[in-house]
Amino acid sequence: MKKQTTFDSKASQNTVHVLAPARLHLGFIDMHGGMGRYFGSLGLCLADIYTHISVTGSDSVFIQGPSSHRASIYAGRMLEHLGIPTGVNITVHEAILEHAGLGSGTQLSLAVGTAIAMAYGFDISGEQVASVMERGKRSGIGIGAFSQGGFLVDGGRGKETGVPPIICHLPFPESWRIVLVFDSGHQGMHGLGEIKAFESLQPMSEDMSGRLCRLTLMQALPALVEENCEQFGASI
């Protein structure tokens, strides 16, 4: 990673735009962990729902737009990590709906971290940004959606895993449609409540994990390649 610790006037003249697409997390496939890896998941990048931010270097921190409070937290982490003693000007033009199962926090954090690094001329990977933002602890789908798009399978967490690796990346047929129905009176589980929910989960049986892995490898992925929507839907 290229080091730069003083304010660069060029950064204040360079506006970086980043679009971070929403994602659907379609479930974990191995909550048993008996083969040395835990979680593993399926996910899909959405084309028409996204977070859009623009960033310029600045001698102070100024953030405006929806989800600006969360953006300020992420900006602080990245500025500290990169050793930038000054700040940024961030405008959140559009933000993914929060706590609706679309990965709003992960996508905003990746967008902010990546844009700041680009504005100041740092070479940093999406995985590094995710690590700084403490994302990808259970699933690599959000990071994969940000960098690759399409339909994704991650390999879960092993003992030495940082961000769960994307082990399969396939295009999603353009003619297929996803219908999303939102309940404005309900907010999805997040934060401490989500952490406690995972901690309280009973271990998945080995048979169930095996069944889910088989559905993934022998039904969902082949159906996607062959564009068999009915079989794909049945496997999901």
Protein backbone atom coordinates (compact mmCIF):
# COMPACT_ATOMS: atom_id res chain seq x y z
CA MET A 1 0.00 0.00 0.00
CA LYS A 2 1.43 3.35 -1.00
CA LYS A 3 2.02 5.63 2.01
CA GLN A 4 1.01 9.27 2.01
CA THR A 5 0.76 11.21 5.24
CA THR A 6 0.36 14.85 4.25
CA PHE A 7 -2.54 16.68 2.60
CA ASP A 8 -2.26 16.61 -1.17
CA SER A 9 -3.92 19.58 -2.89
CA LYS A 10 -4.50 17.36 -5.93
CA ALA A 11 -6.85 15.22 -3.84
CA SER A 12 -9.05 18.26 -3.24
CA GLN A 13 -9.36 18.73 -7.00
CA ASN A 14 -10.06 15.06 -7.75
CA THR A 15 -13.66 13.94 -7.21
CA VAL A 16 -14.06 10.19 -6.90
CA HIS A 17 -17.47 8.63 -7.48
CA VAL A 18 -18.21 5.11 -6.21
CA LEU A 19 -21.36 3.05 -6.72
CA ALA A 20 -21.83 0.10 -4.37
CA PRO A 21 -24.64 -2.27 -5.41
CA ALA A 22 -27.06 -3.84 -2.95
CA ARG A 23 -26.93 -7.59 -2.47
CA LEU A 24 -29.26 -10.36 -1.46
CA HIS A 25 -27.81 -12.86 0.95
CA LEU A 26 -29.49 -16.16 0.08
CA GLY A 27 -28.42 -18.23 3.05
CA PHE A 28 -25.60 -20.12 4.74
CA ILE A 29 -24.75 -23.62 3.57
CA ASP A 30 -22.61 -25.06 6.39
CA MET A 31 -23.39 -24.07 9.97
CA HIS A 32 -21.96 -27.41 11.15
CA GLY A 33 -18.26 -26.70 10.63
CA GLY A 34 -17.11 -30.28 10.90
CA MET A 35 -14.84 -30.01 7.85
CA GLY A 36 -12.90 -27.08 9.22
CA ARG A 37 -14.87 -24.25 7.62
CA TYR A 38 -17.95 -22.51 8.95
CA PHE A 39 -20.78 -20.55 7.29
CA GLY A 40 -20.25 -20.48 3.51
CA SER A 41 -23.01 -18.61 1.72
CA LEU A 42 -24.84 -17.74 -1.49
CA GLY A 43 -25.64 -14.26 -2.70
CA LEU A 44 -26.73 -12.11 -5.58
CA CYS A 45 -25.73 -8.58 -6.59
CA LEU A 46 -28.61 -6.23 -7.50
CA ALA A 47 -28.19 -3.82 -10.39
CA ASP A 48 -30.86 -1.22 -9.65
CA ILE A 49 -30.40 -0.61 -5.91
CA TYR A 50 -27.13 0.93 -4.83
CA THR A 51 -25.26 3.44 -2.71
CA HIS A 52 -23.66 6.30 -4.64
CA ILE A 53 -21.11 8.58 -3.02
CA SER A 54 -18.63 11.18 -4.19
CA VAL A 55 -15.45 12.06 -2.29
CA THR A 56 -12.79 14.76 -2.50
CA GLY A 57 -9.81 15.30 -0.25
CA SER A 58 -10.15 18.19 2.20
CA ASP A 59 -8.43 19.78 5.15
CA SER A 60 -11.42 18.83 7.35
CA VAL A 61 -14.21 16.26 7.45
CA PHE A 62 -17.59 17.19 5.96
CA ILE A 63 -20.25 14.59 5.19
CA GLN A 64 -23.76 15.14 3.88
CA GLY A 65 -26.66 13.07 2.55
CA PRO A 66 -28.53 9.95 3.72
CA SER A 67 -26.71 7.59 6.11
CA SER A 68 -24.16 10.36 6.74
CA HIS A 69 -23.70 9.34 10.39
CA ARG A 70 -22.62 5.84 9.41
CA ALA A 71 -20.47 7.26 6.63
CA SER A 72 -18.65 9.47 9.14
CA ILE A 73 -17.72 6.43 11.24
CA TYR A 74 -16.33 4.60 8.21
CA ALA A 75 -14.47 7.69 7.02
CA GLY A 76 -12.78 8.04 10.40
CA ARG A 77 -11.59 4.45 10.31
CA MET A 78 -10.10 4.77 6.84
CA LEU A 79 -8.43 8.13 7.46
CA GLU A 80 -6.81 6.73 10.60
CA HIS A 81 -5.74 3.52 8.84
CA LEU A 82 -4.15 5.40 5.95
CA GLY A 83 -2.48 7.93 8.25
CA ILE A 84 -4.21 10.91 6.61
CA PRO A 85 -4.07 13.80 9.11
CA THR A 86 -6.58 15.98 7.28
CA GLY A 87 -10.01 14.95 6.02
CA VAL A 88 -12.53 14.41 3.24
CA ASN A 89 -15.62 15.93 1.75
CA ILE A 90 -18.22 13.19 1.22
CA THR A 91 -21.62 13.48 -0.40
CA VAL A 92 -23.94 10.49 -0.16
CA HIS A 93 -26.12 10.96 -3.23
CA GLU A 94 -28.12 7.78 -2.73
CA ALA A 95 -28.05 5.11 -0.03
CA ILE A 96 -29.33 1.55 0.18
CA LEU A 97 -32.27 1.19 2.56
CA GLU A 98 -30.86 0.37 6.00
CA HIS A 99 -31.55 -2.91 7.84
CA ALA A 100 -33.67 -4.32 5.02
CA GLY A 101 -31.47 -7.30 4.13
CA LEU A 102 -29.66 -5.52 1.30
CA GLY A 103 -26.20 -5.11 2.84
CA SER A 104 -26.44 -1.35 3.35
CA GLY A 105 -23.73 -1.12 6.01
CA THR A 106 -21.17 -3.25 4.20
CA GLN A 107 -21.71 -1.50 0.89
CA LEU A 108 -21.50 1.99 2.41
CA SER A 109 -18.34 1.11 4.33
CA LEU A 110 -16.67 -0.33 1.22
CA ALA A 111 -17.72 2.65 -0.87
CA VAL A 112 -16.40 5.18 1.66
CA GLY A 113 -13.15 3.33 2.27
CA THR A 114 -12.43 2.75 -1.40
CA ALA A 115 -13.29 6.31 -2.42
CA ILE A 116 -11.05 7.86 0.25
CA ALA A 117 -8.15 5.62 -0.75
CA MET A 118 -8.62 6.51 -4.42
CA ALA A 119 -8.91 10.25 -3.73
CA TYR A 120 -5.57 10.21 -1.90
CA GLY A 121 -3.81 7.90 -4.34
CA PHE A 122 -3.57 4.76 -2.23
CA ASP A 123 -3.56 1.31 -3.79
CA ILE A 124 -5.74 -0.84 -1.53
CA SER A 125 -7.86 -3.93 -2.25
CA GLY A 126 -11.50 -4.48 -1.39
CA GLU A 127 -10.46 -7.18 1.08
CA GLN A 128 -8.16 -4.71 2.85
CA VAL A 129 -10.94 -2.13 3.03
CA ALA A 130 -13.30 -4.78 4.42
CA SER A 131 -10.76 -5.68 7.10
CA VAL A 132 -10.39 -2.04 8.16
CA MET A 133 -14.18 -1.70 8.30
CA GLU A 134 -14.53 -5.00 10.22
CA ARG A 135 -16.73 -6.47 7.50
CA GLY A 136 -16.83 -10.04 6.19
CA LYS A 137 -16.75 -11.72 9.60
CA ARG A 138 -19.35 -14.29 8.54
CA SER A 139 -19.94 -13.81 4.82
CA GLY A 140 -17.89 -12.66 1.84
CA ILE A 141 -20.96 -12.01 -0.33
CA GLY A 142 -21.10 -8.25 0.27
CA ILE A 143 -17.41 -7.80 -0.54
CA GLY A 144 -17.79 -10.00 -3.62
CA ALA A 145 -20.85 -8.07 -4.79
CA PHE A 146 -18.93 -4.81 -4.46
CA SER A 147 -15.95 -5.97 -6.50
CA GLN A 148 -17.43 -8.53 -8.89
CA GLY A 149 -21.22 -8.43 -9.10
CA GLY A 150 -23.28 -11.36 -10.37
CA PHE A 151 -24.15 -14.52 -8.43
CA LEU A 152 -21.63 -15.51 -5.78
CA VAL A 153 -20.71 -18.37 -3.48
CA ASP A 154 -18.18 -17.85 -0.70
CA GLY A 155 -16.16 -20.59 0.98
CA GLY A 156 -16.89 -19.70 4.58
CA ARG A 157 -14.40 -19.20 7.37
CA GLY A 158 -11.46 -21.41 8.24
CA LYS A 159 -8.95 -20.92 11.05
CA GLU A 160 -6.73 -18.67 8.92
CA THR A 161 -9.48 -16.89 6.95
CA GLY A 162 -9.61 -13.10 6.77
CA VAL A 163 -12.50 -12.34 4.44
CA PRO A 164 -14.37 -15.48 3.30
CA PRO A 165 -13.13 -16.14 -0.26
CA ILE A 166 -15.41 -16.05 -3.29
CA ILE A 167 -15.14 -19.57 -4.74
CA CYS A 168 -17.75 -19.24 -7.49
CA HIS A 169 -18.77 -16.20 -9.52
CA LEU A 170 -21.36 -16.52 -12.28
CA PRO A 171 -23.38 -14.03 -14.33
CA PHE A 172 -27.08 -13.85 -13.47
CA PRO A 173 -29.39 -14.10 -16.51
CA GLU A 174 -30.52 -10.62 -17.54
CA SER A 175 -34.03 -11.84 -18.38
CA TRP A 176 -34.66 -13.10 -14.82
CA ARG A 177 -36.34 -10.73 -12.38
CA ILE A 178 -36.26 -10.45 -8.60
CA VAL A 179 -39.32 -9.06 -6.82
CA LEU A 180 -38.60 -7.38 -3.49
CA VAL A 181 -41.40 -6.67 -1.01
CA PHE A 182 -40.54 -4.32 1.88
CA ASP A 183 -42.42 -3.91 5.16
CA SER A 184 -42.05 -0.27 6.19
CA GLY A 185 -43.19 -1.13 9.71
CA HIS A 186 -40.47 -3.68 10.35
CA GLN A 187 -36.69 -3.39 10.57
CA GLY A 188 -34.38 -6.35 10.13
CA MET A 189 -32.12 -7.63 12.91
CA HIS A 190 -28.76 -5.87 13.10
CA GLY A 191 -25.97 -4.79 15.41
CA LEU A 192 -25.79 -6.38 18.87
CA GLY A 193 -29.10 -8.20 18.37
CA GLU A 194 -27.77 -9.90 15.27
CA ILE A 195 -24.54 -10.91 17.02
CA LYS A 196 -26.48 -12.42 19.93
CA ALA A 197 -28.77 -14.28 17.52
CA PHE A 198 -25.81 -15.96 15.84
CA GLU A 199 -24.26 -16.81 19.21
CA SER A 200 -27.48 -18.50 20.34
CA LEU A 201 -27.96 -20.63 17.22
CA GLN A 202 -28.00 -24.37 17.71
CA PRO A 203 -25.41 -26.27 15.61
CA MET A 204 -26.69 -27.39 12.22
CA SER A 205 -26.69 -31.14 11.67
CA GLU A 206 -24.08 -32.63 9.37
CA ASP A 207 -26.89 -34.06 7.23
CA MET A 208 -28.46 -30.63 6.77
CA SER A 209 -25.12 -29.03 5.86
CA GLY A 210 -24.46 -31.82 3.39
CA ARG A 211 -27.91 -31.35 1.86
CA LEU A 212 -27.42 -27.61 1.43
CA CYS A 213 -23.96 -28.02 -0.11
CA ARG A 214 -25.36 -30.61 -2.52
CA LEU A 215 -28.24 -28.33 -3.49
CA THR A 216 -25.72 -25.58 -4.20
CA LEU A 217 -23.29 -27.65 -6.26
CA MET A 218 -25.66 -30.03 -8.01
CA GLN A 219 -28.77 -27.91 -8.54
CA ALA A 220 -28.44 -24.15 -8.05
CA LEU A 221 -25.16 -23.61 -9.94
CA PRO A 222 -25.91 -25.92 -12.90
CA ALA A 223 -29.39 -24.37 -13.21
CA LEU A 224 -27.83 -20.92 -13.31
CA VAL A 225 -25.39 -21.89 -16.06
CA GLU A 226 -28.16 -23.57 -18.07
CA GLU A 227 -30.56 -20.68 -17.32
CA ASN A 228 -33.18 -23.01 -15.86
CA CYS A 229 -35.13 -20.55 -13.73
CA GLU A 230 -37.58 -23.12 -12.28
CA GLN A 231 -34.81 -25.42 -11.07
CA PHE A 232 -32.77 -22.53 -9.73
CA GLY A 233 -35.76 -21.20 -7.80
CA ALA A 234 -36.50 -24.65 -6.37
CA SER A 235 -32.94 -25.02 -5.08
CA ILE A 236 -32.93 -21.57 -3.45
